[in-house]
Amino acid sequence: MKSKLKVLFFFIIISFSLYAEQKIAIPKFNFGIGASKSPDDLVTSLQILMGLTILTIAPSIIIMTTSFIRIIIVLHFVRQALGVQQMPPNQVLVGLALFLTFFIMEPTANDIMQNGINPYLNKKISQETLFKNIENPLKKFMLKQTRVKDLELFVKLSKTKKVKSRKDLSVWIVTPAYIISELTRGFEIGILIFIPFIIIDMIVATVLMSLGMMMLPPVMISIPFKLLLFVMVDGWNLIINSLVKSFN
């Protein structure tokens, strides 16, 4: 029995030594510029380059063409108005803004999937039609939220000829106009949120001054009252409800 184990152990050692001597092939990648055998090679390379570029700037494009701008601005104004600088944390605000964006943009996303991405994956439409079917729903959403004044500004700056309908405007005109409109609406909502909390700050400061307690920071007294008011009126529910309805 022992002799059999010794023989088995010997063959195992030999097997490992032979395997160790074998050289494992390491893949090699070459990136360079060379002569192309057909024009299709250049087209494919350019498509890959454009695809990588789009993937790099995709987060910015998604943020700037959706409801995310208005939502994140309003949520930051809420935090500033309450006077609590780090509560809720930035990660929580961004996460809430993202999920609200998904909720609001769901009809637009479904339109893009049904008329753009799914037909393209099934090879029913061309790449050009895909981009058009992605652009149209986004442009339709942005036009509903864009002020006429902002559209006129970029039409004037671009020296574009008059069009019959807003739908005929280029996405390069609609997008910056939409961003400005969202910034404006976000600040307008933020001002309305600030007003009741500013009143509380003024009342607390006046009371402390009348009591001669000038060395006591008014913020220490006003923050608990502002938080109490916010909780009593169910502030998060009111703000989220108003934000979502503002896109209808």
C-alpha atoms as a PDB file:
ATOM      1  CA  MET A   1       0.000   0.000   0.000  1.00  0.00           C
ATOM      2  CA  LYS A   2       2.791   2.379   0.931  1.00  0.00           C
ATOM      3  CA  SER A   3       4.627   1.609  -2.293  1.00  0.00           C
ATOM      4  CA  LYS A   4       1.519   2.482  -4.320  1.00  0.00           C
ATOM      5  CA  LEU A   5       1.203   5.816  -2.520  1.00  0.00           C
ATOM      6  CA  LYS A   6       4.864   6.580  -3.203  1.00  0.00           C
ATOM      7  CA  VAL A   7       4.392   5.850  -6.915  1.00  0.00           C
ATOM      8  CA  LEU A   8       1.257   8.028  -7.052  1.00  0.00           C
ATOM      9  CA  PHE A   9       3.038  10.861  -5.249  1.00  0.00           C
ATOM     10  CA  PHE A  10       5.969  10.546  -7.681  1.00  0.00           C
ATOM     11  CA  PHE A  11       3.698  10.895 -10.733  1.00  0.00           C
ATOM     12  CA  ILE A  12       1.942  13.913  -9.184  1.00  0.00           C
ATOM     13  CA  ILE A  13       5.293  15.666  -8.660  1.00  0.00           C
ATOM     14  CA  ILE A  14       6.325  14.895 -12.245  1.00  0.00           C
ATOM     15  CA  SER A  15       3.002  16.226 -13.576  1.00  0.00           C
ATOM     16  CA  PHE A  16       3.332  19.501 -11.680  1.00  0.00           C
ATOM     17  CA  SER A  17       6.911  19.985 -12.854  1.00  0.00           C
ATOM     18  CA  LEU A  18       5.933  19.400 -16.481  1.00  0.00           C
ATOM     19  CA  TYR A  19       2.984  21.792 -16.172  1.00  0.00           C
ATOM     20  CA  ALA A  20       5.220  24.441 -14.608  1.00  0.00           C
ATOM     21  CA  GLU A  21       7.598  24.266 -17.570  1.00  0.00           C
ATOM     22  CA  GLN A  22       4.811  24.949 -20.058  1.00  0.00           C
ATOM     23  CA  LYS A  23       4.643  28.554 -21.185  1.00  0.00           C
ATOM     24  CA  ILE A  24       1.215  30.146 -21.020  1.00  0.00           C
ATOM     25  CA  ALA A  25       0.491  32.315 -24.038  1.00  0.00           C
ATOM     26  CA  ILE A  26      -0.251  35.942 -23.131  1.00  0.00           C
ATOM     27  CA  PRO A  27      -2.552  37.795 -25.522  1.00  0.00           C
ATOM     28  CA  LYS A  28      -1.089  40.773 -27.318  1.00  0.00           C
ATOM     29  CA  PHE A  29      -3.027  43.833 -28.387  1.00  0.00           C
ATOM     30  CA  ASN A  30      -1.830  46.252 -31.019  1.00  0.00           C
ATOM     31  CA  PHE A  31      -3.175  49.754 -31.457  1.00  0.00           C
ATOM     32  CA  GLY A  32      -1.894  51.695 -34.385  1.00  0.00           C
ATOM     33  CA  ILE A  33      -2.529  53.331 -37.721  1.00  0.00           C
ATOM     34  CA  GLY A  34      -2.098  51.275 -40.831  1.00  0.00           C
ATOM     35  CA  ALA A  35      -3.265  50.952 -44.393  1.00  0.00           C
ATOM     36  CA  SER A  36      -6.936  50.047 -44.699  1.00  0.00           C
ATOM     37  CA  LYS A  37      -8.002  47.295 -47.062  1.00  0.00           C
ATOM     38  CA  SER A  38     -11.498  48.738 -47.564  1.00  0.00           C
ATOM     39  CA  PRO A  39     -13.434  51.933 -46.712  1.00  0.00           C
ATOM     40  CA  ASP A  40     -15.586  49.901 -44.317  1.00  0.00           C
ATOM     41  CA  ASP A  41     -12.637  49.559 -41.939  1.00  0.00           C
ATOM     42  CA  LEU A  42     -12.437  53.337 -41.535  1.00  0.00           C
ATOM     43  CA  VAL A  43     -16.195  53.640 -41.060  1.00  0.00           C
ATOM     44  CA  THR A  44     -16.153  50.955 -38.355  1.00  0.00           C
ATOM     45  CA  SER A  45     -13.269  52.664 -36.547  1.00  0.00           C
ATOM     46  CA  LEU A  46     -15.053  56.019 -36.620  1.00  0.00           C
ATOM     47  CA  GLN A  47     -18.252  54.418 -35.322  1.00  0.00           C
ATOM     48  CA  ILE A  48     -16.347  52.878 -32.405  1.00  0.00           C
ATOM     49  CA  LEU A  49     -14.716  56.246 -31.656  1.00  0.00           C
ATOM     50  CA  MET A  50     -18.076  58.031 -31.741  1.00  0.00           C
ATOM     51  CA  GLY A  51     -19.623  55.345 -29.541  1.00  0.00           C
ATOM     52  CA  LEU A  52     -16.899  55.727 -26.906  1.00  0.00           C
ATOM     53  CA  THR A  53     -17.267  59.517 -27.020  1.00  0.00           C
ATOM     54  CA  ILE A  54     -21.034  59.289 -26.529  1.00  0.00           C
ATOM     55  CA  LEU A  55     -20.587  56.887 -23.601  1.00  0.00           C
ATOM     56  CA  THR A  56     -18.162  59.352 -21.987  1.00  0.00           C
ATOM     57  CA  ILE A  57     -20.544  62.315 -22.133  1.00  0.00           C
ATOM     58  CA  ALA A  58     -23.743  60.259 -21.762  1.00  0.00           C
ATOM     59  CA  PRO A  59     -24.243  61.098 -18.038  1.00  0.00           C
ATOM     60  CA  SER A  60     -24.092  64.832 -18.775  1.00  0.00           C
ATOM     61  CA  ILE A  61     -26.479  64.464 -21.717  1.00  0.00           C
ATOM     62  CA  ILE A  62     -28.959  62.478 -19.621  1.00  0.00           C
ATOM     63  CA  ILE A  63     -28.818  64.988 -16.764  1.00  0.00           C
ATOM     64  CA  MET A  64     -29.229  68.034 -19.009  1.00  0.00           C
ATOM     65  CA  THR A  65     -32.145  66.674 -21.058  1.00  0.00           C
ATOM     66  CA  THR A  66     -34.275  65.283 -18.224  1.00  0.00           C
ATOM     67  CA  SER A  67     -36.072  66.537 -15.128  1.00  0.00           C
ATOM     68  CA  PHE A  68     -32.958  66.057 -12.975  1.00  0.00           C
ATOM     69  CA  ILE A  69     -31.893  69.723 -13.123  1.00  0.00           C
ATOM     70  CA  ARG A  70     -35.006  71.186 -11.516  1.00  0.00           C
ATOM     71  CA  ILE A  71     -35.281  68.430  -8.916  1.00  0.00           C
ATOM     72  CA  ILE A  72     -31.704  68.624  -7.631  1.00  0.00           C
ATOM     73  CA  ILE A  73     -31.812  72.442  -7.462  1.00  0.00           C
ATOM     74  CA  VAL A  74     -35.030  72.408  -5.420  1.00  0.00           C
ATOM     75  CA  LEU A  75     -33.719  69.729  -3.047  1.00  0.00           C
ATOM     76  CA  HIS A  76     -30.556  71.742  -2.409  1.00  0.00           C
ATOM     77  CA  PHE A  77     -32.659  74.846  -1.730  1.00  0.00           C
ATOM     78  CA  VAL A  78     -34.684  72.859   0.811  1.00  0.00           C
ATOM     79  CA  ARG A  79     -31.532  71.895   2.667  1.00  0.00           C
ATOM     80  CA  GLN A  80     -30.190  75.441   2.597  1.00  0.00           C
ATOM     81  CA  ALA A  81     -33.506  76.885   3.798  1.00  0.00           C
ATOM     82  CA  LEU A  82     -33.622  74.483   6.741  1.00  0.00           C
ATOM     83  CA  GLY A  83     -30.117  75.573   7.717  1.00  0.00           C
ATOM     84  CA  VAL A  84     -28.771  72.021   8.031  1.00  0.00           C
ATOM     85  CA  GLN A  85     -25.737  72.058   5.756  1.00  0.00           C
ATOM     86  CA  GLN A  86     -24.945  68.328   5.594  1.00  0.00           C
ATOM     87  CA  MET A  87     -28.304  66.730   6.298  1.00  0.00           C
ATOM     88  CA  PRO A  88     -29.558  65.042   4.179  1.00  0.00           C
ATOM     89  CA  PRO A  89     -26.153  64.155   2.675  1.00  0.00           C
ATOM     90  CA  ASN A  90     -25.394  64.864  -0.974  1.00  0.00           C
ATOM     91  CA  GLN A  91     -25.592  61.149  -1.815  1.00  0.00           C
ATOM     92  CA  VAL A  92     -29.148  60.973  -0.477  1.00  0.00           C
ATOM     93  CA  LEU A  93     -30.257  64.082  -2.390  1.00  0.00           C
ATOM     94  CA  VAL A  94     -28.708  62.871  -5.648  1.00  0.00           C
ATOM     95  CA  GLY A  95     -30.217  59.402  -5.180  1.00  0.00           C
ATOM     96  CA  LEU A  96     -33.675  60.856  -4.523  1.00  0.00           C
ATOM     97  CA  ALA A  97     -33.322  63.165  -7.533  1.00  0.00           C
ATOM     98  CA  LEU A  98     -32.323  60.231  -9.755  1.00  0.00           C
ATOM     99  CA  PHE A  99     -35.271  58.049  -8.749  1.00  0.00           C
ATOM    100  CA  LEU A 100     -37.689  60.962  -9.171  1.00  0.00           C
ATOM    101  CA  THR A 101     -36.157  61.530 -12.610  1.00  0.00           C
ATOM    102  CA  PHE A 102     -36.731  57.868 -13.519  1.00  0.00           C
ATOM    103  CA  PHE A 103     -40.341  58.179 -12.333  1.00  0.00           C
ATOM    104  CA  ILE A 104     -41.046  61.378 -14.293  1.00  0.00           C
ATOM    105  CA  MET A 105     -39.203  60.285 -17.442  1.00  0.00           C
ATOM    106  CA  GLU A 106     -40.786  56.812 -17.597  1.00  0.00           C
ATOM    107  CA  PRO A 107     -43.266  57.661 -20.423  1.00  0.00           C
ATOM    108  CA  THR A 108     -40.471  59.222 -22.476  1.00  0.00           C
ATOM    109  CA  ALA A 109     -38.172  56.256 -21.808  1.00  0.00           C
ATOM    110  CA  ASN A 110     -40.900  53.802 -22.843  1.00  0.00           C
ATOM    111  CA  ASP A 111     -41.409  55.728 -26.084  1.00  0.00           C
ATOM    112  CA  ILE A 112     -37.670  55.577 -26.805  1.00  0.00           C
ATOM    113  CA  MET A 113     -37.525  51.847 -26.079  1.00  0.00           C
ATOM    114  CA  GLN A 114     -40.582  50.955 -28.186  1.00  0.00           C
ATOM    115  CA  ASN A 115     -39.852  53.143 -31.199  1.00  0.00           C
ATOM    116  CA  GLY A 116     -36.074  53.368 -31.076  1.00  0.00           C
ATOM    117  CA  ILE A 117     -33.951  50.849 -29.211  1.00  0.00           C
ATOM    118  CA  ASN A 118     -36.073  47.696 -29.564  1.00  0.00           C
ATOM    119  CA  PRO A 119     -36.621  48.052 -33.354  1.00  0.00           C
ATOM    120  CA  TYR A 120     -32.907  48.789 -33.812  1.00  0.00           C
ATOM    121  CA  LEU A 121     -31.873  45.703 -31.817  1.00  0.00           C
ATOM    122  CA  ASN A 122     -34.273  43.657 -33.940  1.00  0.00           C
ATOM    123  CA  LYS A 123     -32.649  45.183 -37.059  1.00  0.00           C
ATOM    124  CA  LYS A 124     -35.902  46.770 -38.216  1.00  0.00           C
ATOM    125  CA  ILE A 125     -34.586  50.351 -38.441  1.00  0.00           C
ATOM    126  CA  SER A 126     -31.291  51.967 -39.402  1.00  0.00           C
ATOM    127  CA  GLN A 127     -28.889  53.759 -37.082  1.00  0.00           C
ATOM    128  CA  GLU A 128     -29.996  57.135 -38.431  1.00  0.00           C
ATOM    129  CA  THR A 129     -33.635  56.323 -37.659  1.00  0.00           C
ATOM    130  CA  LEU A 130     -32.594  55.169 -34.176  1.00  0.00           C
ATOM    131  CA  PHE A 131     -31.045  58.544 -33.331  1.00  0.00           C
ATOM    132  CA  LYS A 132     -34.094  60.343 -34.704  1.00  0.00           C
ATOM    133  CA  ASN A 133     -36.492  58.184 -32.662  1.00  0.00           C
ATOM    134  CA  ILE A 134     -34.435  58.874 -29.525  1.00  0.00           C
ATOM    135  CA  GLU A 135     -34.226  62.599 -30.207  1.00  0.00           C
ATOM    136  CA  ASN A 136     -37.933  63.199 -30.900  1.00  0.00           C
ATOM    137  CA  PRO A 137     -39.363  62.033 -27.521  1.00  0.00           C
ATOM    138  CA  LEU A 138     -36.668  63.924 -25.606  1.00  0.00           C
ATOM    139  CA  LYS A 139     -37.264  67.060 -27.658  1.00  0.00           C
ATOM    140  CA  LYS A 140     -41.018  66.728 -27.130  1.00  0.00           C
ATOM    141  CA  PHE A 141     -40.500  66.536 -23.350  1.00  0.00           C
ATOM    142  CA  MET A 142     -38.107  69.494 -23.315  1.00  0.00           C
ATOM    143  CA  LEU A 143     -40.392  71.678 -25.439  1.00  0.00           C
ATOM    144  CA  LYS A 144     -43.245  71.181 -22.954  1.00  0.00           C
ATOM    145  CA  GLN A 145     -41.061  72.549 -20.152  1.00  0.00           C
ATOM    146  CA  THR A 146     -39.242  75.304 -22.074  1.00  0.00           C
ATOM    147  CA  ARG A 147     -40.322  78.928 -21.946  1.00  0.00           C
ATOM    148  CA  VAL A 148     -40.991  80.711 -25.216  1.00  0.00           C
ATOM    149  CA  LYS A 149     -38.652  83.533 -24.164  1.00  0.00           C
ATOM    150  CA  ASP A 150     -35.704  81.140 -23.849  1.00  0.00           C
ATOM    151  CA  LEU A 151     -36.457  79.494 -27.195  1.00  0.00           C
ATOM    152  CA  GLU A 152     -36.614  82.889 -28.878  1.00  0.00           C
ATOM    153  CA  LEU A 153     -33.261  83.809 -27.325  1.00  0.00           C
ATOM    154  CA  PHE A 154     -31.407  80.858 -28.842  1.00  0.00           C
ATOM    155  CA  VAL A 155     -33.241  81.117 -32.152  1.00  0.00           C
ATOM    156  CA  LYS A 156     -32.055  84.725 -32.314  1.00  0.00           C
ATOM    157  CA  LEU A 157     -28.488  83.883 -31.241  1.00  0.00           C
ATOM    158  CA  SER A 158     -28.220  81.061 -33.782  1.00  0.00           C
ATOM    159  CA  LYS A 159     -29.714  83.248 -36.525  1.00  0.00           C
ATOM    160  CA  THR A 160     -32.035  80.418 -37.479  1.00  0.00           C
ATOM    161  CA  LYS A 161     -34.689  81.045 -40.083  1.00  0.00           C
ATOM    162  CA  LYS A 162     -38.282  81.143 -38.911  1.00  0.00           C
ATOM    163  CA  VAL A 163     -39.903  77.734 -38.614  1.00  0.00           C
ATOM    164  CA  LYS A 164     -43.566  76.795 -38.861  1.00  0.00           C
ATOM    165  CA  SER A 165     -43.664  74.973 -35.534  1.00  0.00           C
ATOM    166  CA  ARG A 166     -41.572  74.580 -32.391  1.00  0.00           C
ATOM    167  CA  LYS A 167     -41.217  70.899 -33.278  1.00  0.00           C
ATOM    168  CA  ASP A 168     -39.115  71.886 -36.295  1.00  0.00           C
ATOM    169  CA  LEU A 169     -36.456  73.514 -34.106  1.00  0.00           C
ATOM    170  CA  SER A 170     -33.099  71.808 -33.848  1.00  0.00           C
ATOM    171  CA  VAL A 171     -32.263  69.899 -30.681  1.00  0.00           C
ATOM    172  CA  TRP A 172     -29.155  72.115 -30.416  1.00  0.00           C
ATOM    173  CA  ILE A 173     -31.490  75.081 -29.881  1.00  0.00           C
ATOM    174  CA  VAL A 174     -34.048  73.326 -27.691  1.00  0.00           C
ATOM    175  CA  THR A 175     -31.541  71.817 -25.230  1.00  0.00           C
ATOM    176  CA  PRO A 176     -29.808  75.021 -23.979  1.00  0.00           C
ATOM    177  CA  ALA A 177     -33.176  76.803 -23.884  1.00  0.00           C
ATOM    178  CA  TYR A 178     -34.562  73.937 -21.795  1.00  0.00           C
ATOM    179  CA  ILE A 179     -31.599  74.080 -19.384  1.00  0.00           C
ATOM    180  CA  ILE A 180     -32.087  77.815 -18.800  1.00  0.00           C
ATOM    181  CA  SER A 181     -35.819  77.320 -18.262  1.00  0.00           C
ATOM    182  CA  GLU A 182     -35.170  74.557 -15.724  1.00  0.00           C
ATOM    183  CA  LEU A 183     -32.638  76.697 -13.853  1.00  0.00           C
ATOM    184  CA  THR A 184     -35.138  79.556 -13.735  1.00  0.00           C
ATOM    185  CA  ARG A 185     -37.992  77.372 -12.481  1.00  0.00           C
ATOM    186  CA  GLY A 186     -35.726  75.719  -9.925  1.00  0.00           C
ATOM    187  CA  PHE A 187     -34.740  79.108  -8.496  1.00  0.00           C
ATOM    188  CA  GLU A 188     -38.363  80.295  -8.493  1.00  0.00           C
ATOM    189  CA  ILE A 189     -39.448  77.261  -6.478  1.00  0.00           C
ATOM    190  CA  GLY A 190     -36.429  77.710  -4.198  1.00  0.00           C
ATOM    191  CA  ILE A 191     -37.455  81.296  -3.394  1.00  0.00           C
ATOM    192  CA  LEU A 192     -40.946  80.146  -2.424  1.00  0.00           C
ATOM    193  CA  ILE A 193     -39.438  77.489  -0.159  1.00  0.00           C
ATOM    194  CA  PHE A 194     -37.114  80.014   1.498  1.00  0.00           C
ATOM    195  CA  ILE A 195     -39.833  82.541   2.444  1.00  0.00           C
ATOM    196  CA  PRO A 196     -41.407  80.768   5.486  1.00  0.00           C
ATOM    197  CA  PHE A 197     -38.008  79.801   6.887  1.00  0.00           C
ATOM    198  CA  ILE A 198     -36.671  83.351   6.490  1.00  0.00           C
ATOM    199  CA  ILE A 199     -39.687  84.594   8.459  1.00  0.00           C
ATOM    200  CA  ILE A 200     -38.828  82.170  11.279  1.00  0.00           C
ATOM    201  CA  ASP A 201     -35.207  83.408  11.272  1.00  0.00           C
ATOM    202  CA  MET A 202     -36.359  87.036  11.462  1.00  0.00           C
ATOM    203  CA  ILE A 203     -38.796  86.331  14.318  1.00  0.00           C
ATOM    204  CA  VAL A 204     -36.159  84.446  16.321  1.00  0.00           C
ATOM    205  CA  ALA A 205     -33.547  87.164  15.740  1.00  0.00           C
ATOM    206  CA  THR A 206     -36.022  89.895  16.800  1.00  0.00           C
ATOM    207  CA  VAL A 207     -36.988  88.038  19.990  1.00  0.00           C
ATOM    208  CA  LEU A 208     -33.358  87.446  20.945  1.00  0.00           C
ATOM    209  CA  MET A 209     -32.528  91.109  20.333  1.00  0.00           C
ATOM    210  CA  SER A 210     -35.454  92.261  22.471  1.00  0.00           C
ATOM    211  CA  LEU A 211     -34.317  89.941  25.287  1.00  0.00           C
ATOM    212  CA  GLY A 212     -30.779  91.281  25.054  1.00  0.00           C
ATOM    213  CA  MET A 213     -29.378  87.881  24.127  1.00  0.00           C
ATOM    214  CA  MET A 214     -27.186  89.207  21.334  1.00  0.00           C
ATOM    215  CA  MET A 215     -24.357  86.764  22.031  1.00  0.00           C
ATOM    216  CA  LEU A 216     -26.581  83.750  21.336  1.00  0.00           C
ATOM    217  CA  PRO A 217     -26.545  82.795  17.617  1.00  0.00           C
ATOM    218  CA  PRO A 218     -30.116  82.941  16.245  1.00  0.00           C
ATOM    219  CA  VAL A 219     -29.398  79.866  14.099  1.00  0.00           C
ATOM    220  CA  MET A 220     -29.162  77.643  17.181  1.00  0.00           C
ATOM    221  CA  ILE A 221     -32.733  78.571  18.135  1.00  0.00           C
ATOM    222  CA  SER A 222     -34.285  78.836  14.665  1.00  0.00           C
ATOM    223  CA  ILE A 223     -33.152  75.454  13.273  1.00  0.00           C
ATOM    224  CA  PRO A 224     -35.245  73.358  15.715  1.00  0.00           C
ATOM    225  CA  PHE A 225     -38.311  75.515  14.978  1.00  0.00           C
ATOM    226  CA  LYS A 226     -37.767  75.208  11.219  1.00  0.00           C
ATOM    227  CA  LEU A 227     -37.371  71.440  11.462  1.00  0.00           C
ATOM    228  CA  LEU A 228     -40.498  71.237  13.631  1.00  0.00           C
ATOM    229  CA  LEU A 229     -42.500  73.249  11.087  1.00  0.00           C
ATOM    230  CA  PHE A 230     -41.159  71.144   8.210  1.00  0.00           C
ATOM    231  CA  VAL A 231     -42.105  67.877   9.931  1.00  0.00           C
ATOM    232  CA  MET A 232     -45.540  69.104  11.063  1.00  0.00           C
ATOM    233  CA  VAL A 233     -46.619  70.088   7.537  1.00  0.00           C
ATOM    234  CA  ASP A 234     -45.135  66.867   6.074  1.00  0.00           C
ATOM    235  CA  GLY A 235     -42.638  68.896   4.063  1.00  0.00           C
ATOM    236  CA  TRP A 236     -41.080  66.128   1.998  1.00  0.00           C
ATOM    237  CA  ASN A 237     -44.473  64.924   0.834  1.00  0.00           C
ATOM    238  CA  LEU A 238     -45.531  68.441  -0.166  1.00  0.00           C
ATOM    239  CA  ILE A 239     -42.288  69.222  -1.989  1.00  0.00           C
ATOM    240  CA  ILE A 240     -42.093  65.938  -3.913  1.00  0.00           C
ATOM    241  CA  ASN A 241     -45.793  66.164  -4.803  1.00  0.00           C
ATOM    242  CA  SER A 242     -45.386  69.722  -6.090  1.00  0.00           C
ATOM    243  CA  LEU A 243     -42.201  68.861  -7.982  1.00  0.00           C
ATOM    244  CA  VAL A 244     -43.732  65.923  -9.836  1.00  0.00           C
ATOM    245  CA  LYS A 245     -46.907  67.859 -10.656  1.00  0.00           C
ATOM    246  CA  SER A 246     -44.846  70.782 -11.972  1.00  0.00           C
ATOM    247  CA  PHE A 247     -43.824  68.583 -14.937  1.00  0.00           C
ATOM    248  CA  ASN A 248     -47.415  67.758 -15.956  1.00  0.00           C
END
